[in-house]
Amino acid sequence: MPTTFDRAQIEHLGDLARIALTDDEITRLQGELNVIADSINKIQEVATDDVQPTANPVPLEAYMRPDEPATPLTQQEATAGAPAVEHGMFVAPQIQG
């Protein structure tokens, strides 16, 4: 069953969204929403029950490295390249007063 939006439905949607719509906006939105609804109806005509839903036509795999324990950086190694260090911590400009 084709879905179409009439003027009253557009006005109702505007009221639900608390948006004041002018007559021109209602007319424009009615046309735009009907084009979108028509496109959805065409897609639904093509879709069949024997087609598996997919998010991507090419199967994707997550390539992750193995989770192996490692020795972490020391405080000195972590701060070695910092422009400013104080008491073993990074020094950054103050953002809030």
PDB file of N, CA and C in Angstrom:
ATOM      1  N   MET A   1       0.847  -1.174   0.000  1.00  0.00           N
ATOM      2  CA  MET A   1       0.000   0.000   0.000  1.00  0.00           C
ATOM      3  C   MET A   1       0.897   1.243   0.000  1.00  0.00           C
ATOM      4  N   PRO A   2       0.794   2.067  -1.017  1.00  0.00           N
ATOM      5  CA  PRO A   2       1.631   3.260  -1.102  1.00  0.00           C
ATOM      6  C   PRO A   2       1.329   4.240   0.032  1.00  0.00           C
ATOM      7  N   THR A   3       2.383   4.812   0.578  1.00  0.00           N
ATOM      8  CA  THR A   3       2.241   5.810   1.623  1.00  0.00           C
ATOM      9  C   THR A   3       2.385   7.190   1.005  1.00  0.00           C
ATOM     10  N   THR A   4       1.453   8.068   1.295  1.00  0.00           N
ATOM     11  CA  THR A   4       1.564   9.458   0.869  1.00  0.00           C
ATOM     12  C   THR A   4       1.204  10.342   2.051  1.00  0.00           C
ATOM     13  N   PHE A   5       1.742  11.520   2.057  1.00  0.00           N
ATOM     14  CA  PHE A   5       1.493  12.466   3.135  1.00  0.00           C
ATOM     15  C   PHE A   5       0.579  13.573   2.635  1.00  0.00           C
ATOM     16  N   ASP A   6      -0.493  13.820   3.383  1.00  0.00           N
ATOM     17  CA  ASP A   6      -1.362  14.936   3.018  1.00  0.00           C
ATOM     18  C   ASP A   6      -1.009  16.147   3.884  1.00  0.00           C
ATOM     19  N   ARG A   7      -1.602  17.272   3.561  1.00  0.00           N
ATOM     20  CA  ARG A   7      -1.295  18.534   4.237  1.00  0.00           C
ATOM     21  C   ARG A   7      -1.523  18.443   5.753  1.00  0.00           C
ATOM     22  N   ALA A   8      -2.601  17.800   6.162  1.00  0.00           N
ATOM     23  CA  ALA A   8      -2.925  17.690   7.588  1.00  0.00           C
ATOM     24  C   ALA A   8      -1.840  16.905   8.337  1.00  0.00           C
ATOM     25  N   GLN A   9      -1.299  15.873   7.706  1.00  0.00           N
ATOM     26  CA  GLN A   9      -0.249  15.081   8.353  1.00  0.00           C
ATOM     27  C   GLN A   9       1.035  15.901   8.513  1.00  0.00           C
ATOM     28  N   ILE A  10       1.360  16.712   7.516  1.00  0.00           N
ATOM     29  CA  ILE A  10       2.545  17.558   7.603  1.00  0.00           C
ATOM     30  C   ILE A  10       2.370  18.577   8.731  1.00  0.00           C
ATOM     31  N   GLU A  11       1.185  19.176   8.822  1.00  0.00           N
ATOM     32  CA  GLU A  11       0.911  20.128   9.900  1.00  0.00           C
ATOM     33  C   GLU A  11       1.020  19.439  11.260  1.00  0.00           C
ATOM     34  N   HIS A  12       0.508  18.209  11.345  1.00  0.00           N
ATOM     35  CA  HIS A  12       0.580  17.449  12.596  1.00  0.00           C
ATOM     36  C   HIS A  12       2.038  17.155  12.970  1.00  0.00           C
ATOM     37  N   LEU A  13       2.855  16.771  11.994  1.00  0.00           N
ATOM     38  CA  LEU A  13       4.277  16.522  12.255  1.00  0.00           C
ATOM     39  C   LEU A  13       4.970  17.791  12.747  1.00  0.00           C
ATOM     40  N   GLY A  14       4.627  18.929  12.152  1.00  0.00           N
ATOM     41  CA  GLY A  14       5.170  20.209  12.599  1.00  0.00           C
ATOM     42  C   GLY A  14       4.788  20.498  14.041  1.00  0.00           C
ATOM     43  N   ASP A  15       3.529  20.221  14.382  1.00  0.00           N
ATOM     44  CA  ASP A  15       3.066  20.428  15.760  1.00  0.00           C
ATOM     45  C   ASP A  15       3.805  19.511  16.732  1.00  0.00           C
ATOM     46  N   LEU A  16       3.995  18.240  16.352  1.00  0.00           N
ATOM     47  CA  LEU A  16       4.707  17.298  17.218  1.00  0.00           C
ATOM     48  C   LEU A  16       6.148  17.749  17.456  1.00  0.00           C
ATOM     49  N   ALA A  17       6.764  18.293  16.413  1.00  0.00           N
ATOM     50  CA  ALA A  17       8.148  18.748  16.517  1.00  0.00           C
ATOM     51  C   ALA A  17       8.237  20.167  17.080  1.00  0.00           C
ATOM     52  N   ARG A  18       7.071  20.770  17.333  1.00  0.00           N
ATOM     53  CA  ARG A  18       7.002  22.150  17.841  1.00  0.00           C
ATOM     54  C   ARG A  18       7.710  23.117  16.898  1.00  0.00           C
ATOM     55  N   ILE A  19       7.440  22.928  15.602  1.00  0.00           N
ATOM     56  CA  ILE A  19       8.007  23.793  14.570  1.00  0.00           C
ATOM     57  C   ILE A  19       6.853  24.497  13.870  1.00  0.00           C
ATOM     58  N   ALA A  20       6.912  25.805  13.836  1.00  0.00           N
ATOM     59  CA  ALA A  20       5.892  26.587  13.130  1.00  0.00           C
ATOM     60  C   ALA A  20       6.229  26.560  11.639  1.00  0.00           C
ATOM     61  N   LEU A  21       5.355  25.972  10.847  1.00  0.00           N
ATOM     62  CA  LEU A  21       5.585  25.854   9.408  1.00  0.00           C
ATOM     63  C   LEU A  21       4.698  26.837   8.648  1.00  0.00           C
ATOM     64  N   THR A  22       5.292  27.487   7.660  1.00  0.00           N
ATOM     65  CA  THR A  22       4.507  28.366   6.789  1.00  0.00           C
ATOM     66  C   THR A  22       3.805  27.511   5.745  1.00  0.00           C
ATOM     67  N   ASP A  23       2.864  28.119   5.022  1.00  0.00           N
ATOM     68  CA  ASP A  23       2.159  27.379   3.965  1.00  0.00           C
ATOM     69  C   ASP A  23       3.135  26.871   2.907  1.00  0.00           C
ATOM     70  N   ASP A  24       4.116  27.704   2.544  1.00  0.00           N
ATOM     71  CA  ASP A  24       5.102  27.288   1.542  1.00  0.00           C
ATOM     72  C   ASP A  24       5.937  26.111   2.042  1.00  0.00           C
ATOM     73  N   GLU A  25       6.326  26.139   3.326  1.00  0.00           N
ATOM     74  CA  GLU A  25       7.110  25.044   3.894  1.00  0.00           C
ATOM     75  C   GLU A  25       6.305  23.754   3.942  1.00  0.00           C
ATOM     76  N   ILE A  26       5.033  23.865   4.276  1.00  0.00           N
ATOM     77  CA  ILE A  26       4.171  22.676   4.311  1.00  0.00           C
ATOM     78  C   ILE A  26       4.067  22.063   2.921  1.00  0.00           C
ATOM     79  N   THR A  27       3.864  22.913   1.921  1.00  0.00           N
ATOM     80  CA  THR A  27       3.756  22.422   0.539  1.00  0.00           C
ATOM     81  C   THR A  27       5.061  21.767   0.099  1.00  0.00           C
ATOM     82  N   ARG A  28       6.207  22.415   0.399  1.00  0.00           N
ATOM     83  CA  ARG A  28       7.506  21.873   0.017  1.00  0.00           C
ATOM     84  C   ARG A  28       7.779  20.552   0.736  1.00  0.00           C
ATOM     85  N   LEU A  29       7.536  20.501   2.045  1.00  0.00           N
ATOM     86  CA  LEU A  29       7.763  19.274   2.808  1.00  0.00           C
ATOM     87  C   LEU A  29       6.859  18.144   2.349  1.00  0.00           C
ATOM     88  N   GLN A  30       5.633  18.478   1.992  1.00  0.00           N
ATOM     89  CA  GLN A  30       4.710  17.446   1.511  1.00  0.00           C
ATOM     90  C   GLN A  30       5.275  16.799   0.245  1.00  0.00           C
ATOM     91  N   GLY A  31       5.771  17.623  -0.667  1.00  0.00           N
ATOM     92  CA  GLY A  31       6.363  17.080  -1.890  1.00  0.00           C
ATOM     93  C   GLY A  31       7.603  16.250  -1.607  1.00  0.00           C
ATOM     94  N   GLU A  32       8.486  16.764  -0.742  1.00  0.00           N
ATOM     95  CA  GLU A  32       9.725  16.050  -0.426  1.00  0.00           C
ATOM     96  C   GLU A  32       9.450  14.725   0.283  1.00  0.00           C
ATOM     97  N   LEU A  33       8.550  14.734   1.260  1.00  0.00           N
ATOM     98  CA  LEU A  33       8.240  13.496   1.985  1.00  0.00           C
ATOM     99  C   LEU A  33       7.554  12.471   1.091  1.00  0.00           C
ATOM    100  N   ASN A  34       6.744  12.937   0.162  1.00  0.00           N
ATOM    101  CA  ASN A  34       6.090  12.004  -0.758  1.00  0.00           C
ATOM    102  C   ASN A  34       7.103  11.374  -1.718  1.00  0.00           C
ATOM    103  N   VAL A  35       8.121  12.133  -2.128  1.00  0.00           N
ATOM    104  CA  VAL A  35       9.176  11.561  -2.970  1.00  0.00           C
ATOM    105  C   VAL A  35       9.937  10.495  -2.177  1.00  0.00           C
ATOM    106  N   ILE A  36      10.251  10.782  -0.911  1.00  0.00           N
ATOM    107  CA  ILE A  36      10.954   9.805  -0.061  1.00  0.00           C
ATOM    108  C   ILE A  36      10.094   8.561   0.149  1.00  0.00           C
ATOM    109  N   ALA A  37       8.815   8.762   0.449  1.00  0.00           N
ATOM    110  CA  ALA A  37       7.910   7.622   0.663  1.00  0.00           C
ATOM    111  C   ALA A  37       7.785   6.790  -0.604  1.00  0.00           C
ATOM    112  N   ASP A  38       7.745   7.444  -1.776  1.00  0.00           N
ATOM    113  CA  ASP A  38       7.658   6.725  -3.041  1.00  0.00           C
ATOM    114  C   ASP A  38       8.912   5.883  -3.267  1.00  0.00           C
ATOM    115  N   SER A  39      10.069   6.438  -2.935  1.00  0.00           N
ATOM    116  CA  SER A  39      11.316   5.683  -3.085  1.00  0.00           C
ATOM    117  C   SER A  39      11.330   4.466  -2.170  1.00  0.00           C
ATOM    118  N   ILE A  40      10.870   4.634  -0.950  1.00  0.00           N
ATOM    119  CA  ILE A  40      10.808   3.507  -0.010  1.00  0.00           C
ATOM    120  C   ILE A  40       9.846   2.442  -0.523  1.00  0.00           C
ATOM    121  N   ASN A  41       8.716   2.868  -1.056  1.00  0.00           N
ATOM    122  CA  ASN A  41       7.751   1.901  -1.601  1.00  0.00           C
ATOM    123  C   ASN A  41       8.355   1.112  -2.753  1.00  0.00           C
ATOM    124  N   LYS A  42       9.143   1.770  -3.619  1.00  0.00           N
ATOM    125  CA  LYS A  42       9.782   1.069  -4.739  1.00  0.00           C
ATOM    126  C   LYS A  42      10.790   0.047  -4.232  1.00  0.00           C
ATOM    127  N   ILE A  43      11.544   0.414  -3.196  1.00  0.00           N
ATOM    128  CA  ILE A  43      12.522  -0.519  -2.629  1.00  0.00           C
ATOM    129  C   ILE A  43      11.816  -1.718  -2.014  1.00  0.00           C
ATOM    130  N   GLN A  44      10.705  -1.491  -1.339  1.00  0.00           N
ATOM    131  CA  GLN A  44       9.971  -2.582  -0.712  1.00  0.00           C
ATOM    132  C   GLN A  44       9.376  -3.527  -1.745  1.00  0.00           C
ATOM    133  N   GLU A  45       9.065  -3.026  -2.943  1.00  0.00           N
ATOM    134  CA  GLU A  45       8.548  -3.895  -4.005  1.00  0.00           C
ATOM    135  C   GLU A  45       9.627  -4.867  -4.469  1.00  0.00           C
ATOM    136  N   VAL A  46      10.887  -4.418  -4.483  1.00  0.00           N
ATOM    137  CA  VAL A  46      11.991  -5.229  -4.976  1.00  0.00           C
ATOM    138  C   VAL A  46      12.444  -6.237  -3.933  1.00  0.00           C
ATOM    139  N   ALA A  47      12.462  -5.831  -2.671  1.00  0.00           N
ATOM    140  CA  ALA A  47      12.970  -6.704  -1.612  1.00  0.00           C
ATOM    141  C   ALA A  47      12.124  -7.965  -1.517  1.00  0.00           C
ATOM    142  N   THR A  48      12.799  -9.102  -1.385  1.00  0.00           N
ATOM    143  CA  THR A  48      12.107 -10.381  -1.257  1.00  0.00           C
ATOM    144  C   THR A  48      12.576 -11.087  -0.002  1.00  0.00           C
ATOM    145  N   ASP A  49      11.810 -12.070   0.424  1.00  0.00           N
ATOM    146  CA  ASP A  49      12.113 -12.796   1.647  1.00  0.00           C
ATOM    147  C   ASP A  49      13.359 -13.672   1.533  1.00  0.00           C
ATOM    148  N   ASP A  50      13.736 -14.075   0.310  1.00  0.00           N
ATOM    149  CA  ASP A  50      14.874 -14.974   0.162  1.00  0.00           C
ATOM    150  C   ASP A  50      16.220 -14.241   0.067  1.00  0.00           C
ATOM    151  N   VAL A  51      16.222 -12.924   0.213  1.00  0.00           N
ATOM    152  CA  VAL A  51      17.456 -12.148   0.176  1.00  0.00           C
ATOM    153  C   VAL A  51      17.896 -11.856   1.603  1.00  0.00           C
ATOM    154  N   GLN A  52      19.121 -12.259   1.927  1.00  0.00           N
ATOM    155  CA  GLN A  52      19.666 -12.028   3.258  1.00  0.00           C
ATOM    156  C   GLN A  52      19.957 -10.540   3.436  1.00  0.00           C
ATOM    157  N   PRO A  53      19.575  -9.960   4.571  1.00  0.00           N
ATOM    158  CA  PRO A  53      19.914  -8.556   4.810  1.00  0.00           C
ATOM    159  C   PRO A  53      21.422  -8.405   5.001  1.00  0.00           C
ATOM    160  N   THR A  54      21.978  -7.335   4.445  1.00  0.00           N
ATOM    161  CA  THR A  54      23.407  -7.084   4.585  1.00  0.00           C
ATOM    162  C   THR A  54      23.653  -5.619   4.904  1.00  0.00           C
ATOM    163  N   ALA A  55      24.730  -5.370   5.618  1.00  0.00           N
ATOM    164  CA  ALA A  55      25.148  -3.995   5.871  1.00  0.00           C
ATOM    165  C   ALA A  55      26.215  -3.602   4.866  1.00  0.00           C
ATOM    166  N   ASN A  56      26.904  -4.600   4.289  1.00  0.00           N
ATOM    167  CA  ASN A  56      27.959  -4.348   3.326  1.00  0.00           C
ATOM    168  C   ASN A  56      27.973  -5.525   2.348  1.00  0.00           C
ATOM    169  N   PRO A  57      28.005  -5.256   1.045  1.00  0.00           N
ATOM    170  CA  PRO A  57      27.986  -6.364   0.090  1.00  0.00           C
ATOM    171  C   PRO A  57      29.251  -7.215   0.117  1.00  0.00           C
ATOM    172  N   VAL A  58      30.336  -6.675   0.637  1.00  0.00           N
ATOM    173  CA  VAL A  58      31.588  -7.410   0.729  1.00  0.00           C
ATOM    174  C   VAL A  58      31.818  -7.770   2.192  1.00  0.00           C
ATOM    175  N   PRO A  59      31.977  -9.048   2.503  1.00  0.00           N
ATOM    176  CA  PRO A  59      32.196  -9.431   3.904  1.00  0.00           C
ATOM    177  C   PRO A  59      33.461  -8.760   4.456  1.00  0.00           C
ATOM    178  N   LEU A  60      33.333  -8.190   5.620  1.00  0.00           N
ATOM    179  CA  LEU A  60      34.461  -7.527   6.259  1.00  0.00           C
ATOM    180  C   LEU A  60      34.849  -8.282   7.520  1.00  0.00           C
ATOM    181  N   GLU A  61      36.129  -8.361   7.758  1.00  0.00           N
ATOM    182  CA  GLU A  61      36.612  -8.994   8.972  1.00  0.00           C
ATOM    183  C   GLU A  61      37.404  -7.966   9.763  1.00  0.00           C
ATOM    184  N   ALA A  62      37.293  -8.033  11.051  1.00  0.00           N
ATOM    185  CA  ALA A  62      38.079  -7.150  11.909  1.00  0.00           C
ATOM    186  C   ALA A  62      39.453  -7.772  12.088  1.00  0.00           C
ATOM    187  N   TYR A  63      40.458  -7.062  11.636  1.00  0.00           N
ATOM    188  CA  TYR A  63      41.818  -7.564  11.777  1.00  0.00           C
ATOM    189  C   TYR A  63      42.405  -6.965  13.042  1.00  0.00           C
ATOM    190  N   MET A  64      42.578  -7.806  14.035  1.00  0.00           N
ATOM    191  CA  MET A  64      43.089  -7.340  15.319  1.00  0.00           C
ATOM    192  C   MET A  64      44.340  -8.130  15.670  1.00  0.00           C
ATOM    193  N   ARG A  65      45.292  -7.443  16.241  1.00  0.00           N
ATOM    194  CA  ARG A  65      46.511  -8.117  16.670  1.00  0.00           C
ATOM    195  C   ARG A  65      46.205  -8.939  17.913  1.00  0.00           C
ATOM    196  N   PRO A  66      46.980  -9.939  18.174  1.00  0.00           N
ATOM    197  CA  PRO A  66      46.759 -10.713  19.394  1.00  0.00           C
ATOM    198  C   PRO A  66      47.020  -9.837  20.626  1.00  0.00           C
ATOM    199  N   ASP A  67      46.265 -10.063  21.648  1.00  0.00           N
ATOM    200  CA  ASP A  67      46.412  -9.310  22.886  1.00  0.00           C
ATOM    201  C   ASP A  67      47.472  -9.998  23.737  1.00  0.00           C
ATOM    202  N   GLU A  68      48.676  -9.440  23.669  1.00  0.00           N
ATOM    203  CA  GLU A  68      49.785 -10.037  24.398  1.00  0.00           C
ATOM    204  C   GLU A  68      50.303  -9.035  25.418  1.00  0.00           C
ATOM    205  N   PRO A  69      50.619  -9.488  26.632  1.00  0.00           N
ATOM    206  CA  PRO A  69      51.139  -8.564  27.642  1.00  0.00           C
ATOM    207  C   PRO A  69      52.499  -8.012  27.217  1.00  0.00           C
ATOM    208  N   ALA A  70      52.730  -6.743  27.549  1.00  0.00           N
ATOM    209  CA  ALA A  70      54.008  -6.100  27.238  1.00  0.00           C
ATOM    210  C   ALA A  70      54.393  -5.207  28.404  1.00  0.00           C
ATOM    211  N   THR A  71      55.641  -4.915  28.506  1.00  0.00           N
ATOM    212  CA  THR A  71      56.126  -4.037  29.559  1.00  0.00           C
ATOM    213  C   THR A  71      55.746  -2.600  29.199  1.00  0.00           C
ATOM    214  N   PRO A  72      55.061  -1.899  30.094  1.00  0.00           N
ATOM    215  CA  PRO A  72      54.661  -0.521  29.778  1.00  0.00           C
ATOM    216  C   PRO A  72      55.863   0.424  29.850  1.00  0.00           C
ATOM    217  N   LEU A  73      55.673   1.624  29.282  1.00  0.00           N
ATOM    218  CA  LEU A  73      56.718   2.638  29.349  1.00  0.00           C
ATOM    219  C   LEU A  73      56.906   3.098  30.790  1.00  0.00           C
ATOM    220  N   THR A  74      58.122   3.480  31.104  1.00  0.00           N
ATOM    221  CA  THR A  74      58.354   4.086  32.407  1.00  0.00           C
ATOM    222  C   THR A  74      57.871   5.531  32.331  1.00  0.00           C
ATOM    223  N   GLN A  75      57.745   6.180  33.463  1.00  0.00           N
ATOM    224  CA  GLN A  75      57.316   7.567  33.494  1.00  0.00           C
ATOM    225  C   GLN A  75      58.303   8.447  32.719  1.00  0.00           C
ATOM    226  N   GLN A  76      59.579   8.179  32.870  1.00  0.00           N
ATOM    227  CA  GLN A  76      60.606   8.956  32.172  1.00  0.00           C
ATOM    228  C   GLN A  76      60.518   8.745  30.657  1.00  0.00           C
ATOM    229  N   GLU A  77      60.280   7.510  30.224  1.00  0.00           N
ATOM    230  CA  GLU A  77      60.159   7.225  28.784  1.00  0.00           C
ATOM    231  C   GLU A  77      58.922   7.908  28.199  1.00  0.00           C
ATOM    232  N   ALA A  78      57.828   7.896  28.952  1.00  0.00           N
ATOM    233  CA  ALA A  78      56.581   8.483  28.462  1.00  0.00           C
ATOM    234  C   ALA A  78      56.676   9.990  28.317  1.00  0.00           C
ATOM    235  N   THR A  79      57.403  10.632  29.222  1.00  0.00           N
ATOM    236  CA  THR A  79      57.497  12.098  29.196  1.00  0.00           C
ATOM    237  C   THR A  79      58.754  12.602  28.491  1.00  0.00           C
ATOM    238  N   ALA A  80      59.577  11.725  27.949  1.00  0.00           N
ATOM    239  CA  ALA A  80      60.855  12.109  27.346  1.00  0.00           C
ATOM    240  C   ALA A  80      60.686  13.107  26.195  1.00  0.00           C
ATOM    241  N   GLY A  81      59.670  12.981  25.382  1.00  0.00           N
ATOM    242  CA  GLY A  81      59.504  13.865  24.230  1.00  0.00           C
ATOM    243  C   GLY A  81      58.607  15.056  24.491  1.00  0.00           C
ATOM    244  N   ALA A  82      58.137  15.233  25.710  1.00  0.00           N
ATOM    245  CA  ALA A  82      57.218  16.328  26.031  1.00  0.00           C
ATOM    246  C   ALA A  82      57.954  17.660  26.045  1.00  0.00           C
ATOM    247  N   PRO A  83      57.311  18.728  25.573  1.00  0.00           N
ATOM    248  CA  PRO A  83      57.968  20.034  25.605  1.00  0.00           C
ATOM    249  C   PRO A  83      58.170  20.557  27.026  1.00  0.00           C
ATOM    250  N   ALA A  84      57.293  20.153  27.957  1.00  0.00           N
ATOM    251  CA  ALA A  84      57.432  20.611  29.339  1.00  0.00           C
ATOM    252  C   ALA A  84      56.948  19.519  30.291  1.00  0.00           C
ATOM    253  N   VAL A  85      57.752  19.261  31.328  1.00  0.00           N
ATOM    254  CA  VAL A  85      57.421  18.240  32.328  1.00  0.00           C
ATOM    255  C   VAL A  85      57.689  18.844  33.707  1.00  0.00           C
ATOM    256  N   GLU A  86      56.763  18.572  34.625  1.00  0.00           N
ATOM    257  CA  GLU A  86      56.948  19.046  35.994  1.00  0.00           C
ATOM    258  C   GLU A  86      56.519  17.947  36.946  1.00  0.00           C
ATOM    259  N   HIS A  87      57.388  17.547  37.856  1.00  0.00           N
ATOM    260  CA  HIS A  87      57.118  16.485  38.827  1.00  0.00           C
ATOM    261  C   HIS A  87      56.678  15.187  38.132  1.00  0.00           C
ATOM    262  N   GLY A  88      57.297  14.893  36.978  1.00  0.00           N
ATOM    263  CA  GLY A  88      56.997  13.659  36.263  1.00  0.00           C
ATOM    264  C   GLY A  88      55.684  13.675  35.485  1.00  0.00           C
ATOM    265  N   MET A  89      55.071  14.853  35.331  1.00  0.00           N
ATOM    266  CA  MET A  89      53.790  14.963  34.602  1.00  0.00           C
ATOM    267  C   MET A  89      53.920  15.960  33.464  1.00  0.00           C
ATOM    268  N   PHE A  90      53.084  15.773  32.420  1.00  0.00           N
ATOM    269  CA  PHE A  90      53.059  16.702  31.309  1.00  0.00           C
ATOM    270  C   PHE A  90      52.545  18.063  31.788  1.00  0.00           C
ATOM    271  N   VAL A  91      53.106  19.129  31.263  1.00  0.00           N
ATOM    272  CA  VAL A  91      52.632  20.475  31.573  1.00  0.00           C
ATOM    273  C   VAL A  91      51.924  20.986  30.329  1.00  0.00           C
ATOM    274  N   ALA A  92      50.698  21.431  30.515  1.00  0.00           N
ATOM    275  CA  ALA A  92      49.897  21.943  29.402  1.00  0.00           C
ATOM    276  C   ALA A  92      49.340  23.301  29.772  1.00  0.00           C
ATOM    277  N   PRO A  93      49.006  24.126  28.773  1.00  0.00           N
ATOM    278  CA  PRO A  93      48.426  25.436  29.090  1.00  0.00           C
ATOM    279  C   PRO A  93      47.095  25.285  29.793  1.00  0.00           C
ATOM    280  N   GLN A  94      46.820  26.229  30.698  1.00  0.00           N
ATOM    281  CA  GLN A  94      45.556  26.213  31.424  1.00  0.00           C
ATOM    282  C   GLN A  94      44.428  26.577  30.456  1.00  0.00           C
ATOM    283  N   ILE A  95      43.336  25.796  30.481  1.00  0.00           N
ATOM    284  CA  ILE A  95      42.228  26.019  29.562  1.00  0.00           C
ATOM    285  C   ILE A  95      41.162  26.886  30.238  1.00  0.00           C
ATOM    286  N   GLN A  96      40.824  26.567  31.455  1.00  0.00           N
ATOM    287  CA  GLN A  96      39.805  27.342  32.177  1.00  0.00           C
ATOM    288  C   GLN A  96      40.466  28.090  33.324  1.00  0.00           C
ATOM    289  N   GLY A  97      39.882  29.259  33.651  1.00  0.00           N
ATOM    290  CA  GLY A  97      40.472  30.098  34.691  1.00  0.00           C
ATOM    291  C   GLY A  97      40.260  29.631  36.085  1.00  0.00           C
TER     292      GLY A  97
END
